[in-house]
Amino acid sequence: MSQYLQSFIKRNQPAVEEVLRARLPRSSLSAAGHLNEALDYALFPGGKRLRPMLSLLASDLVAVPRSQALTLACAVEFLHSSSLIIDDLPGMDDASLRRNRRTLHLVFGEGVAMLAALALLNESYGLFAEAGRSSGRPSAVESIIAEAARVIGAEGMIGGQAIDIELRTGCADAKTLAGRDLKTTALMRLMMTAGAYACGAEAADTRALSDFGECLGRAFQICDDLLDVGVGSEVTGKSAEQDLRHLRVTSVALLGIPGARRFAEQLVARGVARLEEQFGRRDETRTLAEAADLVLSRAGSLWEAA
């Protein structure tokens, strides 16, 4: 990891954690204490905070003020955490481990877990709107909320998750697999473009960030698939061999391990090229490229060590 990336994370992580705690959608209702405990359990401790950190870097590329960028990063992390809670439920992956702890529904029950996910999802919309309003552009709120709804909805994360629970190994082609991967790629696109939508960036800047998010998201999902079959829970911090247990199709099943790794590498190279083409070799683009390479190297090294 470069000195710049280390410094960026060290400099910004305290502010991210502070905003997440301050904006956690705790209920003031006297009998809702169980929900508040579940929300705290779901968010803290929160792992690497990869998504909010990359969201901040993307916002820096289009000159979003830091206070506004932190609001967007918080919204992204709430949305991500909401999706993890839902993904772990018995009707989805039926997972027992997340971030080296028992999954939320096993600790607080399915009902409270579902409500916690909805509370985080709703708060993310509120934060996206708040960031749009703070830009002073009347159209910013409409733009970012419309994009968030599209990314989260039936043509994005929800649609991808639906494909994921329906498909079985041997029953999918590359196009269908790309649809399944929307459960990850759609959020990555929003993570990279939220700042651009909130500040009214040039269309070419927004497209380049979207393209990078798409490539990074697919590469991330492929690496996640590789880790799912290659290493145990003690390394990843979550339930292992979920796809095999549910007989679900993945890039590994479709392409094989060498083919999946090559595809992930090609995606990262394509995404980085788009960033550099649009923004040049700035500190932010170099750091985003390094972060993408770290995703690849982590999957590769852990799989080879398994």
C-alpha atoms as a PDB file:
ATOM      1  CA  MET A   1       0.000   0.000   0.000  1.00  0.00           C
ATOM      2  CA  SER A   2       1.419   3.391  -1.004  1.00  0.00           C
ATOM      3  CA  GLN A   3       2.229   6.097   1.484  1.00  0.00           C
ATOM      4  CA  TYR A   4      -0.426   8.320  -0.099  1.00  0.00           C
ATOM      5  CA  LEU A   5      -3.200   5.734   0.337  1.00  0.00           C
ATOM      6  CA  GLN A   6      -2.109   4.965   3.899  1.00  0.00           C
ATOM      7  CA  SER A   7      -2.052   8.661   4.696  1.00  0.00           C
ATOM      8  CA  PHE A   8      -5.441   9.236   3.071  1.00  0.00           C
ATOM      9  CA  ILE A   9      -7.099   6.478   5.099  1.00  0.00           C
ATOM     10  CA  LYS A  10      -5.430   7.550   8.347  1.00  0.00           C
ATOM     11  CA  ARG A  11      -6.402  11.171   7.768  1.00  0.00           C
ATOM     12  CA  ASN A  12     -10.037  10.515   6.843  1.00  0.00           C
ATOM     13  CA  GLN A  13     -11.111   7.443   8.806  1.00  0.00           C
ATOM     14  CA  PRO A  14     -11.774   9.286  12.097  1.00  0.00           C
ATOM     15  CA  ALA A  15     -14.064  11.754  10.318  1.00  0.00           C
ATOM     16  CA  VAL A  16     -15.903   8.915   8.550  1.00  0.00           C
ATOM     17  CA  GLU A  17     -16.453   7.061  11.821  1.00  0.00           C
ATOM     18  CA  GLU A  18     -17.638  10.247  13.512  1.00  0.00           C
ATOM     19  CA  VAL A  19     -20.206  10.973  10.798  1.00  0.00           C
ATOM     20  CA  LEU A  20     -21.435   7.378  10.782  1.00  0.00           C
ATOM     21  CA  ARG A  21     -22.037   7.481  14.540  1.00  0.00           C
ATOM     22  CA  ALA A  22     -23.648  10.912  14.416  1.00  0.00           C
ATOM     23  CA  ARG A  23     -25.994   9.964  11.559  1.00  0.00           C
ATOM     24  CA  LEU A  24     -26.882   6.418  12.612  1.00  0.00           C
ATOM     25  CA  PRO A  25     -30.713   6.371  12.398  1.00  0.00           C
ATOM     26  CA  ARG A  26     -31.393   5.555  16.042  1.00  0.00           C
ATOM     27  CA  SER A  27     -35.008   5.716  17.165  1.00  0.00           C
ATOM     28  CA  SER A  28     -36.019   8.050  19.994  1.00  0.00           C
ATOM     29  CA  LEU A  29     -39.054   5.873  20.780  1.00  0.00           C
ATOM     30  CA  SER A  30     -38.881   4.444  24.281  1.00  0.00           C
ATOM     31  CA  ALA A  31     -39.523   0.818  23.277  1.00  0.00           C
ATOM     32  CA  ALA A  32     -37.201   0.754  20.239  1.00  0.00           C
ATOM     33  CA  GLY A  33     -33.999   0.063  22.142  1.00  0.00           C
ATOM     34  CA  HIS A  34     -33.548  -3.353  20.541  1.00  0.00           C
ATOM     35  CA  LEU A  35     -33.527  -1.755  17.094  1.00  0.00           C
ATOM     36  CA  ASN A  36     -30.928   0.779  18.180  1.00  0.00           C
ATOM     37  CA  GLU A  37     -28.710  -1.978  19.543  1.00  0.00           C
ATOM     38  CA  ALA A  38     -29.010  -3.844  16.243  1.00  0.00           C
ATOM     39  CA  LEU A  39     -28.035  -0.745  14.257  1.00  0.00           C
ATOM     40  CA  ASP A  40     -24.968  -0.211  16.390  1.00  0.00           C
ATOM     41  CA  TYR A  41     -24.009  -3.891  16.064  1.00  0.00           C
ATOM     42  CA  ALA A  42     -24.390  -3.739  12.282  1.00  0.00           C
ATOM     43  CA  LEU A  43     -22.184  -0.663  11.802  1.00  0.00           C
ATOM     44  CA  PHE A  44     -19.530  -0.856  14.537  1.00  0.00           C
ATOM     45  CA  PRO A  45     -16.899  -2.118  14.243  1.00  0.00           C
ATOM     46  CA  GLY A  46     -17.225  -1.763  10.485  1.00  0.00           C
ATOM     47  CA  GLY A  47     -14.237  -3.332   8.833  1.00  0.00           C
ATOM     48  CA  LYS A  48     -12.057  -1.462   6.357  1.00  0.00           C
ATOM     49  CA  ARG A  49     -14.671   1.157   5.300  1.00  0.00           C
ATOM     50  CA  LEU A  50     -13.476   0.602   1.736  1.00  0.00           C
ATOM     51  CA  ARG A  51     -16.547   2.087   0.108  1.00  0.00           C
ATOM     52  CA  PRO A  52     -16.692   5.394   1.979  1.00  0.00           C
ATOM     53  CA  MET A  53     -12.948   5.880   1.467  1.00  0.00           C
ATOM     54  CA  LEU A  54     -13.212   5.319  -2.277  1.00  0.00           C
ATOM     55  CA  SER A  55     -16.315   7.513  -2.374  1.00  0.00           C
ATOM     56  CA  LEU A  56     -14.270  10.336  -0.815  1.00  0.00           C
ATOM     57  CA  LEU A  57     -11.540   9.905  -3.425  1.00  0.00           C
ATOM     58  CA  ALA A  58     -14.091  10.025  -6.243  1.00  0.00           C
ATOM     59  CA  SER A  59     -15.648  13.151  -4.745  1.00  0.00           C
ATOM     60  CA  ASP A  60     -12.203  14.757  -4.575  1.00  0.00           C
ATOM     61  CA  LEU A  61     -11.795  14.184  -8.319  1.00  0.00           C
ATOM     62  CA  VAL A  62     -14.791  16.447  -9.012  1.00  0.00           C
ATOM     63  CA  ALA A  63     -13.997  18.967  -6.246  1.00  0.00           C
ATOM     64  CA  VAL A  64     -16.845  18.170  -3.857  1.00  0.00           C
ATOM     65  CA  PRO A  65     -16.444  20.012  -0.521  1.00  0.00           C
ATOM     66  CA  ARG A  66     -15.298  17.615   2.194  1.00  0.00           C
ATOM     67  CA  SER A  67     -18.349  18.045   4.468  1.00  0.00           C
ATOM     68  CA  GLN A  68     -20.638  17.222   1.550  1.00  0.00           C
ATOM     69  CA  ALA A  69     -18.414  14.310   0.503  1.00  0.00           C
ATOM     70  CA  LEU A  70     -18.539  12.855   4.023  1.00  0.00           C
ATOM     71  CA  THR A  71     -22.344  12.939   3.945  1.00  0.00           C
ATOM     72  CA  LEU A  72     -22.263  10.999   0.670  1.00  0.00           C
ATOM     73  CA  ALA A  73     -19.705   8.524   2.020  1.00  0.00           C
ATOM     74  CA  CYS A  74     -21.930   7.922   5.047  1.00  0.00           C
ATOM     75  CA  ALA A  75     -24.933   7.305   2.771  1.00  0.00           C
ATOM     76  CA  VAL A  76     -22.914   4.797   0.759  1.00  0.00           C
ATOM     77  CA  GLU A  77     -21.832   2.901   3.885  1.00  0.00           C
ATOM     78  CA  PHE A  78     -25.391   2.792   5.258  1.00  0.00           C
ATOM     79  CA  LEU A  79     -26.632   1.440   1.943  1.00  0.00           C
ATOM     80  CA  HIS A  80     -23.842  -1.137   1.836  1.00  0.00           C
ATOM     81  CA  SER A  81     -24.509  -2.274   5.415  1.00  0.00           C
ATOM     82  CA  SER A  82     -28.225  -2.536   4.669  1.00  0.00           C
ATOM     83  CA  SER A  83     -27.489  -4.820   1.723  1.00  0.00           C
ATOM     84  CA  LEU A  84     -25.234  -7.046   3.854  1.00  0.00           C
ATOM     85  CA  ILE A  85     -27.949  -7.522   6.481  1.00  0.00           C
ATOM     86  CA  ILE A  86     -30.465  -8.522   3.810  1.00  0.00           C
ATOM     87  CA  ASP A  87     -27.964 -10.736   1.984  1.00  0.00           C
ATOM     88  CA  ASP A  88     -27.291 -12.715   5.178  1.00  0.00           C
ATOM     89  CA  LEU A  89     -30.965 -13.458   5.967  1.00  0.00           C
ATOM     90  CA  PRO A  90     -32.208 -17.072   5.880  1.00  0.00           C
ATOM     91  CA  GLY A  91     -34.227 -16.395   2.728  1.00  0.00           C
ATOM     92  CA  MET A  92     -31.100 -15.160   0.951  1.00  0.00           C
ATOM     93  CA  ASP A  93     -27.667 -16.602   1.794  1.00  0.00           C
ATOM     94  CA  ASP A  94     -28.638 -17.882   5.250  1.00  0.00           C
ATOM     95  CA  ALA A  95     -25.204 -16.823   6.506  1.00  0.00           C
ATOM     96  CA  SER A  96     -24.002 -17.216  10.075  1.00  0.00           C
ATOM     97  CA  LEU A  97     -20.885 -15.030  10.069  1.00  0.00           C
ATOM     98  CA  ARG A  98     -20.164 -11.454   8.967  1.00  0.00           C
ATOM     99  CA  ARG A  99     -17.129  -9.331   9.899  1.00  0.00           C
ATOM    100  CA  ASN A 100     -15.955 -12.139  12.201  1.00  0.00           C
ATOM    101  CA  ARG A 101     -19.166 -11.984  14.250  1.00  0.00           C
ATOM    102  CA  ARG A 102     -22.524 -13.736  14.209  1.00  0.00           C
ATOM    103  CA  THR A 103     -24.808 -12.250  11.596  1.00  0.00           C
ATOM    104  CA  LEU A 104     -27.354  -9.683  12.742  1.00  0.00           C
ATOM    105  CA  HIS A 105     -30.441 -11.881  12.416  1.00  0.00           C
ATOM    106  CA  LEU A 106     -28.884 -14.583  14.610  1.00  0.00           C
ATOM    107  CA  VAL A 107     -28.240 -12.062  17.389  1.00  0.00           C
ATOM    108  CA  PHE A 108     -31.375  -9.903  17.189  1.00  0.00           C
ATOM    109  CA  GLY A 109     -33.865 -12.015  15.224  1.00  0.00           C
ATOM    110  CA  GLU A 110     -34.995 -11.792  11.624  1.00  0.00           C
ATOM    111  CA  GLY A 111     -37.645  -9.154  12.256  1.00  0.00           C
ATOM    112  CA  VAL A 112     -35.331  -6.659  13.938  1.00  0.00           C
ATOM    113  CA  ALA A 113     -32.598  -7.360  11.375  1.00  0.00           C
ATOM    114  CA  MET A 114     -34.970  -6.562   8.514  1.00  0.00           C
ATOM    115  CA  LEU A 115     -36.100  -3.351  10.219  1.00  0.00           C
ATOM    116  CA  ALA A 116     -32.493  -2.314  10.826  1.00  0.00           C
ATOM    117  CA  ALA A 117     -31.738  -2.830   7.129  1.00  0.00           C
ATOM    118  CA  LEU A 118     -34.737  -0.704   6.158  1.00  0.00           C
ATOM    119  CA  ALA A 119     -33.764   2.032   8.622  1.00  0.00           C
ATOM    120  CA  LEU A 120     -30.281   2.231   7.085  1.00  0.00           C
ATOM    121  CA  LEU A 121     -31.673   2.195   3.552  1.00  0.00           C
ATOM    122  CA  ASN A 122     -34.116   5.007   4.321  1.00  0.00           C
ATOM    123  CA  GLU A 123     -31.422   7.069   6.002  1.00  0.00           C
ATOM    124  CA  SER A 124     -29.173   6.713   2.970  1.00  0.00           C
ATOM    125  CA  TYR A 125     -31.845   8.352   0.790  1.00  0.00           C
ATOM    126  CA  GLY A 126     -32.112  11.191   3.291  1.00  0.00           C
ATOM    127  CA  LEU A 127     -28.358  11.717   3.282  1.00  0.00           C
ATOM    128  CA  PHE A 128     -28.153  11.687  -0.514  1.00  0.00           C
ATOM    129  CA  ALA A 129     -30.867  14.355  -0.599  1.00  0.00           C
ATOM    130  CA  GLU A 130     -29.095  16.405   2.067  1.00  0.00           C
ATOM    131  CA  ALA A 131     -25.844  16.332   0.085  1.00  0.00           C
ATOM    132  CA  GLY A 132     -27.688  17.411  -3.045  1.00  0.00           C
ATOM    133  CA  ARG A 133     -29.344  20.349  -1.267  1.00  0.00           C
ATOM    134  CA  SER A 134     -26.045  21.530   0.193  1.00  0.00           C
ATOM    135  CA  SER A 135     -24.664  22.011  -3.323  1.00  0.00           C
ATOM    136  CA  GLY A 136     -27.072  24.900  -3.880  1.00  0.00           C
ATOM    137  CA  ARG A 137     -28.217  23.439  -7.208  1.00  0.00           C
ATOM    138  CA  PRO A 138     -32.004  22.887  -7.366  1.00  0.00           C
ATOM    139  CA  SER A 139     -31.641  19.904  -9.714  1.00  0.00           C
ATOM    140  CA  ALA A 140     -28.998  18.100  -7.631  1.00  0.00           C
ATOM    141  CA  VAL A 141     -31.448  16.466  -5.218  1.00  0.00           C
ATOM    142  CA  GLU A 142     -33.575  15.105  -8.046  1.00  0.00           C
ATOM    143  CA  SER A 143     -30.506  13.822  -9.918  1.00  0.00           C
ATOM    144  CA  ILE A 144     -28.900  11.967  -7.045  1.00  0.00           C
ATOM    145  CA  ILE A 145     -32.134  10.506  -5.650  1.00  0.00           C
ATOM    146  CA  ALA A 146     -33.182   9.306  -9.101  1.00  0.00           C
ATOM    147  CA  GLU A 147     -29.795   7.660  -9.584  1.00  0.00           C
ATOM    148  CA  ALA A 148     -29.862   6.081  -6.122  1.00  0.00           C
ATOM    149  CA  ALA A 149     -33.347   4.667  -6.747  1.00  0.00           C
ATOM    150  CA  ARG A 150     -32.225   3.230 -10.093  1.00  0.00           C
ATOM    151  CA  VAL A 151     -29.080   1.705  -8.602  1.00  0.00           C
ATOM    152  CA  ILE A 152     -30.921   0.146  -5.669  1.00  0.00           C
ATOM    153  CA  GLY A 153     -33.999  -0.999  -7.579  1.00  0.00           C
ATOM    154  CA  ALA A 154     -35.102  -3.787  -9.895  1.00  0.00           C
ATOM    155  CA  GLU A 155     -32.586  -2.779 -12.577  1.00  0.00           C
ATOM    156  CA  GLY A 156     -29.735  -2.670 -10.053  1.00  0.00           C
ATOM    157  CA  MET A 157     -28.963  -4.219  -6.670  1.00  0.00           C
ATOM    158  CA  ILE A 158     -32.395  -5.753  -6.092  1.00  0.00           C
ATOM    159  CA  GLY A 159     -32.521  -7.193  -9.604  1.00  0.00           C
ATOM    160  CA  GLY A 160     -29.034  -8.624  -9.241  1.00  0.00           C
ATOM    161  CA  GLN A 161     -29.896 -10.186  -5.894  1.00  0.00           C
ATOM    162  CA  ALA A 162     -33.032 -11.723  -7.422  1.00  0.00           C
ATOM    163  CA  ILE A 163     -30.941 -13.321 -10.161  1.00  0.00           C
ATOM    164  CA  ASP A 164     -28.433 -14.542  -7.581  1.00  0.00           C
ATOM    165  CA  ILE A 165     -31.013 -16.502  -5.586  1.00  0.00           C
ATOM    166  CA  GLU A 166     -32.669 -17.977  -8.691  1.00  0.00           C
ATOM    167  CA  LEU A 167     -29.717 -19.095 -10.787  1.00  0.00           C
ATOM    168  CA  ARG A 168     -28.069 -22.443 -10.379  1.00  0.00           C
ATOM    169  CA  THR A 169     -24.666 -23.579 -11.621  1.00  0.00           C
ATOM    170  CA  GLY A 170     -24.723 -24.574 -15.289  1.00  0.00           C
ATOM    171  CA  CYS A 171     -27.791 -22.454 -16.057  1.00  0.00           C
ATOM    172  CA  ALA A 172     -26.253 -19.103 -16.965  1.00  0.00           C
ATOM    173  CA  ASP A 173     -24.261 -17.374 -19.678  1.00  0.00           C
ATOM    174  CA  ALA A 174     -22.009 -14.337 -19.447  1.00  0.00           C
ATOM    175  CA  LYS A 175     -24.872 -11.872 -19.924  1.00  0.00           C
ATOM    176  CA  THR A 176     -26.937 -13.420 -17.143  1.00  0.00           C
ATOM    177  CA  LEU A 177     -23.902 -13.486 -14.865  1.00  0.00           C
ATOM    178  CA  ALA A 178     -23.379  -9.763 -15.474  1.00  0.00           C
ATOM    179  CA  GLY A 179     -26.968  -9.235 -14.324  1.00  0.00           C
ATOM    180  CA  ARG A 180     -26.310 -11.245 -11.177  1.00  0.00           C
ATOM    181  CA  ASP A 181     -23.219  -9.168 -10.447  1.00  0.00           C
ATOM    182  CA  LEU A 182     -25.357  -6.005 -10.346  1.00  0.00           C
ATOM    183  CA  LYS A 183     -25.838  -6.717  -6.640  1.00  0.00           C
ATOM    184  CA  THR A 184     -22.244  -5.463  -6.314  1.00  0.00           C
ATOM    185  CA  THR A 185     -21.532  -3.389  -9.431  1.00  0.00           C
ATOM    186  CA  ALA A 186     -24.571  -1.129  -9.069  1.00  0.00           C
ATOM    187  CA  LEU A 187     -23.502   0.030  -5.615  1.00  0.00           C
ATOM    188  CA  MET A 188     -19.917   0.555  -6.783  1.00  0.00           C
ATOM    189  CA  ARG A 189     -21.174   2.787  -9.598  1.00  0.00           C
ATOM    190  CA  LEU A 190     -23.177   4.872  -7.147  1.00  0.00           C
ATOM    191  CA  MET A 191     -20.217   5.022  -4.774  1.00  0.00           C
ATOM    192  CA  MET A 192     -18.076   6.522  -7.530  1.00  0.00           C
ATOM    193  CA  THR A 193     -20.672   8.881  -9.029  1.00  0.00           C
ATOM    194  CA  ALA A 194     -22.556  10.197  -5.976  1.00  0.00           C
ATOM    195  CA  GLY A 195     -20.274  13.214  -5.663  1.00  0.00           C
ATOM    196  CA  ALA A 196     -20.543  13.975  -9.367  1.00  0.00           C
ATOM    197  CA  TYR A 197     -24.356  13.933  -9.238  1.00  0.00           C
ATOM    198  CA  ALA A 198     -24.423  16.015  -6.065  1.00  0.00           C
ATOM    199  CA  CYS A 199     -22.172  18.764  -7.408  1.00  0.00           C
ATOM    200  CA  GLY A 200     -23.360  18.835 -11.023  1.00  0.00           C
ATOM    201  CA  ALA A 201     -20.110  17.589 -12.542  1.00  0.00           C
ATOM    202  CA  GLU A 202     -19.557  17.489 -16.289  1.00  0.00           C
ATOM    203  CA  ALA A 203     -21.265  14.556 -17.983  1.00  0.00           C
ATOM    204  CA  ALA A 204     -17.943  13.202 -19.232  1.00  0.00           C
ATOM    205  CA  ASP A 205     -16.565  13.144 -15.678  1.00  0.00           C
ATOM    206  CA  THR A 206     -19.661  11.328 -14.402  1.00  0.00           C
ATOM    207  CA  ARG A 207     -19.472   8.737 -17.192  1.00  0.00           C
ATOM    208  CA  ALA A 208     -15.799   8.019 -16.514  1.00  0.00           C
ATOM    209  CA  LEU A 209     -16.454   7.560 -12.801  1.00  0.00           C
ATOM    210  CA  SER A 210     -19.437   5.333 -13.595  1.00  0.00           C
ATOM    211  CA  ASP A 211     -17.352   3.197 -15.949  1.00  0.00           C
ATOM    212  CA  PHE A 212     -14.630   2.784 -13.319  1.00  0.00           C
ATOM    213  CA  GLY A 213     -17.225   1.861 -10.698  1.00  0.00           C
ATOM    214  CA  GLU A 214     -18.732  -0.729 -13.051  1.00  0.00           C
ATOM    215  CA  CYS A 215     -15.343  -2.316 -13.726  1.00  0.00           C
ATOM    216  CA  LEU A 216     -14.261  -2.221 -10.090  1.00  0.00           C
ATOM    217  CA  GLY A 217     -17.588  -3.652  -8.942  1.00  0.00           C
ATOM    218  CA  ARG A 218     -17.417  -6.620 -11.287  1.00  0.00           C
ATOM    219  CA  ALA A 219     -13.778  -7.272 -10.418  1.00  0.00           C
ATOM    220  CA  PHE A 220     -14.633  -7.056  -6.721  1.00  0.00           C
ATOM    221  CA  GLN A 221     -17.466  -9.581  -7.125  1.00  0.00           C
ATOM    222  CA  ILE A 222     -15.239 -11.971  -9.061  1.00  0.00           C
ATOM    223  CA  CYS A 223     -12.588 -11.754  -6.349  1.00  0.00           C
ATOM    224  CA  ASP A 224     -15.288 -12.329  -3.739  1.00  0.00           C
ATOM    225  CA  ASP A 225     -16.332 -15.457  -5.659  1.00  0.00           C
ATOM    226  CA  LEU A 226     -12.711 -16.626  -5.713  1.00  0.00           C
ATOM    227  CA  LEU A 227     -12.346 -16.075  -1.972  1.00  0.00           C
ATOM    228  CA  ASP A 228     -15.606 -17.914  -1.306  1.00  0.00           C
ATOM    229  CA  VAL A 229     -14.187 -21.146  -2.740  1.00  0.00           C
ATOM    230  CA  GLY A 230     -10.521 -20.594  -1.915  1.00  0.00           C
ATOM    231  CA  VAL A 231     -10.243 -19.652   1.749  1.00  0.00           C
ATOM    232  CA  GLY A 232     -12.064 -20.172   5.029  1.00  0.00           C
ATOM    233  CA  SER A 233     -14.131 -17.960   7.314  1.00  0.00           C
ATOM    234  CA  GLU A 234     -11.128 -17.312   9.563  1.00  0.00           C
ATOM    235  CA  VAL A 235      -9.599 -15.302   6.692  1.00  0.00           C
ATOM    236  CA  THR A 236     -12.607 -13.561   5.118  1.00  0.00           C
ATOM    237  CA  GLY A 237     -14.586 -12.981   8.319  1.00  0.00           C
ATOM    238  CA  LYS A 238     -17.806 -14.322   6.781  1.00  0.00           C
ATOM    239  CA  SER A 239     -19.441 -17.646   5.988  1.00  0.00           C
ATOM    240  CA  ALA A 240     -17.452 -19.609   3.399  1.00  0.00           C
ATOM    241  CA  GLU A 241     -18.580 -21.652   0.364  1.00  0.00           C
ATOM    242  CA  GLN A 242     -21.966 -19.948   0.273  1.00  0.00           C
ATOM    243  CA  ASP A 243     -22.251 -20.233  -3.509  1.00  0.00           C
ATOM    244  CA  LEU A 244     -21.374 -23.925  -3.486  1.00  0.00           C
ATOM    245  CA  ARG A 245     -23.843 -24.588  -0.675  1.00  0.00           C
ATOM    246  CA  HIS A 246     -26.659 -22.921  -2.628  1.00  0.00           C
ATOM    247  CA  LEU A 247     -25.451 -24.282  -6.005  1.00  0.00           C
ATOM    248  CA  ARG A 248     -25.362 -20.724  -7.344  1.00  0.00           C
ATOM    249  CA  VAL A 249     -23.645 -19.655 -10.534  1.00  0.00           C
ATOM    250  CA  THR A 250     -20.515 -17.505 -10.256  1.00  0.00           C
ATOM    251  CA  SER A 251     -17.673 -16.305 -12.467  1.00  0.00           C
ATOM    252  CA  VAL A 252     -15.555 -19.109 -11.023  1.00  0.00           C
ATOM    253  CA  ALA A 253     -18.125 -21.724 -12.040  1.00  0.00           C
ATOM    254  CA  LEU A 254     -18.478 -20.217 -15.525  1.00  0.00           C
ATOM    255  CA  LEU A 255     -14.844 -19.332 -16.309  1.00  0.00           C
ATOM    256  CA  GLY A 256     -12.795 -21.469 -13.959  1.00  0.00           C
ATOM    257  CA  ILE A 257     -10.315 -20.030 -11.458  1.00  0.00           C
ATOM    258  CA  PRO A 258      -7.628 -18.889 -13.970  1.00  0.00           C
ATOM    259  CA  GLY A 259     -10.246 -17.459 -16.318  1.00  0.00           C
ATOM    260  CA  ALA A 260     -12.043 -15.593 -13.544  1.00  0.00           C
ATOM    261  CA  ARG A 261      -8.785 -14.061 -12.311  1.00  0.00           C
ATOM    262  CA  ARG A 262      -7.823 -12.952 -15.829  1.00  0.00           C
ATOM    263  CA  PHE A 263     -11.251 -11.387 -16.334  1.00  0.00           C
ATOM    264  CA  ALA A 264     -10.961  -9.463 -13.052  1.00  0.00           C
ATOM    265  CA  GLU A 265      -7.522  -8.180 -14.079  1.00  0.00           C
ATOM    266  CA  GLN A 266      -8.876  -7.062 -17.468  1.00  0.00           C
ATOM    267  CA  LEU A 267     -11.755  -5.229 -15.807  1.00  0.00           C
ATOM    268  CA  VAL A 268      -9.451  -3.334 -13.448  1.00  0.00           C
ATOM    269  CA  ALA A 269      -7.128  -2.356 -16.324  1.00  0.00           C
ATOM    270  CA  ARG A 270     -10.110  -1.096 -18.347  1.00  0.00           C
ATOM    271  CA  GLY A 271     -11.507   0.907 -15.448  1.00  0.00           C
ATOM    272  CA  VAL A 272      -8.189   2.520 -14.574  1.00  0.00           C
ATOM    273  CA  ALA A 273      -7.640   3.458 -18.221  1.00  0.00           C
ATOM    274  CA  ARG A 274     -10.990   5.262 -18.265  1.00  0.00           C
ATOM    275  CA  LEU A 275     -10.100   7.241 -15.141  1.00  0.00           C
ATOM    276  CA  GLU A 276      -6.692   8.265 -16.449  1.00  0.00           C
ATOM    277  CA  GLU A 277      -8.113   9.148 -19.850  1.00  0.00           C
ATOM    278  CA  GLN A 278     -10.582  11.561 -18.249  1.00  0.00           C
ATOM    279  CA  PHE A 279      -8.730  12.899 -15.220  1.00  0.00           C
ATOM    280  CA  GLY A 280      -5.055  12.277 -15.919  1.00  0.00           C
ATOM    281  CA  ARG A 281      -2.568  10.798 -13.469  1.00  0.00           C
ATOM    282  CA  ARG A 282      -3.539  12.739 -10.376  1.00  0.00           C
ATOM    283  CA  ASP A 283      -3.020  11.544  -6.815  1.00  0.00           C
ATOM    284  CA  GLU A 284      -6.687  10.521  -6.661  1.00  0.00           C
ATOM    285  CA  THR A 285      -6.612   8.466  -9.866  1.00  0.00           C
ATOM    286  CA  ARG A 286      -3.370   6.758  -8.854  1.00  0.00           C
ATOM    287  CA  THR A 287      -4.836   5.938  -5.448  1.00  0.00           C
ATOM    288  CA  LEU A 288      -8.068   4.563  -6.901  1.00  0.00           C
ATOM    289  CA  ALA A 289      -5.977   2.445  -9.268  1.00  0.00           C
ATOM    290  CA  GLU A 290      -3.933   1.149  -6.346  1.00  0.00           C
ATOM    291  CA  ALA A 291      -7.076   0.330  -4.383  1.00  0.00           C
ATOM    292  CA  ALA A 292      -8.356  -1.677  -7.355  1.00  0.00           C
ATOM    293  CA  ASP A 293      -5.041  -3.530  -7.576  1.00  0.00           C
ATOM    294  CA  LEU A 294      -5.244  -4.301  -3.852  1.00  0.00           C
ATOM    295  CA  VAL A 295      -8.602  -6.003  -4.432  1.00  0.00           C
ATOM    296  CA  LEU A 296      -6.971  -8.212  -7.057  1.00  0.00           C
ATOM    297  CA  SER A 297      -3.843  -8.953  -5.050  1.00  0.00           C
ATOM    298  CA  ARG A 298      -5.777  -9.851  -1.910  1.00  0.00           C
ATOM    299  CA  ALA A 299      -7.854 -12.412  -3.756  1.00  0.00           C
ATOM    300  CA  GLY A 300      -4.821 -13.791  -5.552  1.00  0.00           C
ATOM    301  CA  SER A 301      -2.550 -14.089  -2.544  1.00  0.00           C
ATOM    302  CA  LEU A 302      -5.188 -15.538  -0.245  1.00  0.00           C
ATOM    303  CA  TRP A 303      -6.314 -18.091  -2.814  1.00  0.00           C
ATOM    304  CA  GLU A 304      -2.753 -19.189  -3.550  1.00  0.00           C
ATOM    305  CA  ALA A 305      -2.067 -19.502   0.195  1.00  0.00           C
ATOM    306  CA  ALA A 306      -5.143 -21.615   0.832  1.00  0.00           C
END
